[in-house]
C-alpha atoms as a PDB file:
ATOM      1  CA  MET A   1       0.000   0.000   0.000  1.00  0.00           C
ATOM      2  CA  ASN A   2       1.212   3.468  -0.858  1.00  0.00           C
ATOM      3  CA  TYR A   3       0.320   6.221   1.560  1.00  0.00           C
ATOM      4  CA  GLU A   4       1.851   9.179  -0.264  1.00  0.00           C
ATOM      5  CA  ILE A   5      -0.052  12.452  -0.651  1.00  0.00           C
ATOM      6  CA  LEU A   6       0.836  14.759  -3.551  1.00  0.00           C
ATOM      7  CA  PHE A   7       0.942  18.546  -3.220  1.00  0.00           C
ATOM      8  CA  LYS A   8       1.699  21.396  -5.604  1.00  0.00           C
ATOM      9  CA  GLY A   9       3.389  24.536  -4.326  1.00  0.00           C
ATOM     10  CA  LYS A  10       5.812  27.389  -4.873  1.00  0.00           C
ATOM     11  CA  VAL A  11       9.245  27.886  -3.320  1.00  0.00           C
ATOM     12  CA  VAL A  12       9.168  30.962  -1.059  1.00  0.00           C
ATOM     13  CA  GLY A  13      12.505  30.608   0.728  1.00  0.00           C
ATOM     14  CA  GLU A  14      15.389  28.425   1.796  1.00  0.00           C
ATOM     15  CA  ALA A  15      15.324  26.343   4.957  1.00  0.00           C
ATOM     16  CA  THR A  16      18.319  25.263   6.978  1.00  0.00           C
ATOM     17  CA  GLY A  17      20.260  22.400   5.460  1.00  0.00           C
ATOM     18  CA  ALA A  18      19.231  21.162   2.037  1.00  0.00           C
ATOM     19  CA  GLY A  19      15.560  22.139   2.199  1.00  0.00           C
ATOM     20  CA  TRP A  20      13.264  24.847   0.887  1.00  0.00           C
ATOM     21  CA  VAL A  21      10.151  26.448   2.302  1.00  0.00           C
ATOM     22  CA  ILE A  22       7.235  25.597   0.002  1.00  0.00           C
ATOM     23  CA  ARG A  23       3.880  27.419   0.099  1.00  0.00           C
ATOM     24  CA  LEU A  24       1.124  25.076  -0.985  1.00  0.00           C
ATOM     25  CA  GLU A  25      -1.918  26.054  -3.036  1.00  0.00           C
ATOM     26  CA  ASN A  26      -4.050  26.111   0.133  1.00  0.00           C
ATOM     27  CA  GLY A  27      -1.705  28.599   1.846  1.00  0.00           C
ATOM     28  CA  HIS A  28       0.060  26.200   4.211  1.00  0.00           C
ATOM     29  CA  GLU A  29       3.854  25.969   4.238  1.00  0.00           C
ATOM     30  CA  MET A  30       6.029  22.894   4.469  1.00  0.00           C
ATOM     31  CA  ILE A  31       9.695  22.003   4.040  1.00  0.00           C
ATOM     32  CA  GLY A  32      10.627  20.374   0.727  1.00  0.00           C
ATOM     33  CA  PHE A  33      13.808  18.373   0.248  1.00  0.00           C
ATOM     34  CA  LEU A  34      15.533  16.324  -2.446  1.00  0.00           C
ATOM     35  CA  LEU A  35      16.858  12.797  -2.208  1.00  0.00           C
ATOM     36  CA  LYS A  36      20.601  12.327  -2.629  1.00  0.00           C
ATOM     37  CA  ARG A  37      20.117  10.818  -6.078  1.00  0.00           C
ATOM     38  CA  ASP A  38      18.227  13.968  -7.166  1.00  0.00           C
ATOM     39  CA  ARG A  39      20.824  16.510  -5.962  1.00  0.00           C
ATOM     40  CA  GLU A  40      21.631  17.530  -9.554  1.00  0.00           C
ATOM     41  CA  LEU A  41      18.177  19.184  -9.646  1.00  0.00           C
ATOM     42  CA  LYS A  42      19.233  21.515  -6.807  1.00  0.00           C
ATOM     43  CA  SER A  43      20.479  24.175  -9.215  1.00  0.00           C
ATOM     44  CA  GLY A  44      17.022  24.372 -10.835  1.00  0.00           C
ATOM     45  CA  ILE A  45      15.263  25.339  -7.594  1.00  0.00           C
ATOM     46  CA  GLY A  46      14.953  28.983  -6.649  1.00  0.00           C
ATOM     47  CA  ILE A  47      12.406  31.331  -5.142  1.00  0.00           C
ATOM     48  CA  GLY A  48       9.269  31.271  -7.259  1.00  0.00           C
ATOM     49  CA  THR A  49       9.854  27.786  -8.694  1.00  0.00           C
ATOM     50  CA  LEU A  50       6.757  25.599  -8.881  1.00  0.00           C
ATOM     51  CA  VAL A  51       7.225  22.072  -7.518  1.00  0.00           C
ATOM     52  CA  HIS A  52       5.313  18.870  -6.797  1.00  0.00           C
ATOM     53  CA  LEU A  53       5.834  17.392  -3.337  1.00  0.00           C
ATOM     54  CA  GLU A  54       5.169  13.940  -1.974  1.00  0.00           C
ATOM     55  CA  ALA A  55       4.442  13.530   1.755  1.00  0.00           C
ATOM     56  CA  THR A  56       3.165  10.832   4.074  1.00  0.00           C
ATOM     57  CA  PRO A  57      -0.028  11.341   6.097  1.00  0.00           C
ATOM     58  CA  PHE A  58       2.033  10.782   9.239  1.00  0.00           C
ATOM     59  CA  ASP A  59       4.154  13.955   8.866  1.00  0.00           C
ATOM     60  CA  LEU A  60       2.738  16.771   6.749  1.00  0.00           C
ATOM     61  CA  SER A  61       5.407  19.274   7.826  1.00  0.00           C
ATOM     62  CA  LYS A  62       7.909  18.045   5.236  1.00  0.00           C
ATOM     63  CA  GLY A  63       7.870  16.392   1.856  1.00  0.00           C
ATOM     64  CA  ARG A  64      10.066  15.148  -0.959  1.00  0.00           C
ATOM     65  CA  ILE A  65      10.304  17.258  -4.115  1.00  0.00           C
ATOM     66  CA  ILE A  66       9.504  14.910  -6.990  1.00  0.00           C
ATOM     67  CA  GLU A  67       9.095  17.332  -9.895  1.00  0.00           C
ATOM     68  CA  ILE A  68      10.252  20.858 -10.715  1.00  0.00           C
ATOM     69  CA  PHE A  69       8.488  23.255 -13.072  1.00  0.00           C
ATOM     70  CA  ASN A  70      10.822  26.093 -14.001  1.00  0.00           C
ATOM     71  CA  GLU A  71      10.105  28.936 -16.409  1.00  0.00           C
ATOM     72  CA  LEU A  72      12.149  27.374 -19.222  1.00  0.00           C
ATOM     73  CA  LYS A  73       9.988  24.232 -19.285  1.00  0.00           C
ATOM     74  CA  ARG A  74       6.772  26.202 -19.726  1.00  0.00           C
ATOM     75  CA  ARG A  75       7.895  28.121 -22.825  1.00  0.00           C
END
């Protein structure tokens, strides 16, 4: 069974360590982070970047960034 919940949000700041503060569509904020294997995507994340997050229902204060939508992709 998979218990992941998907969210869409925008990066509004940097958190301590390797995380970013993400504001979700409903106005809540959570910490988004990348897995070690996805660290090459780190350069594509900045303030204003739209991302998809995956979180568990057990801890909705943080989530894993699974997809990045930057301005270059949309054009």
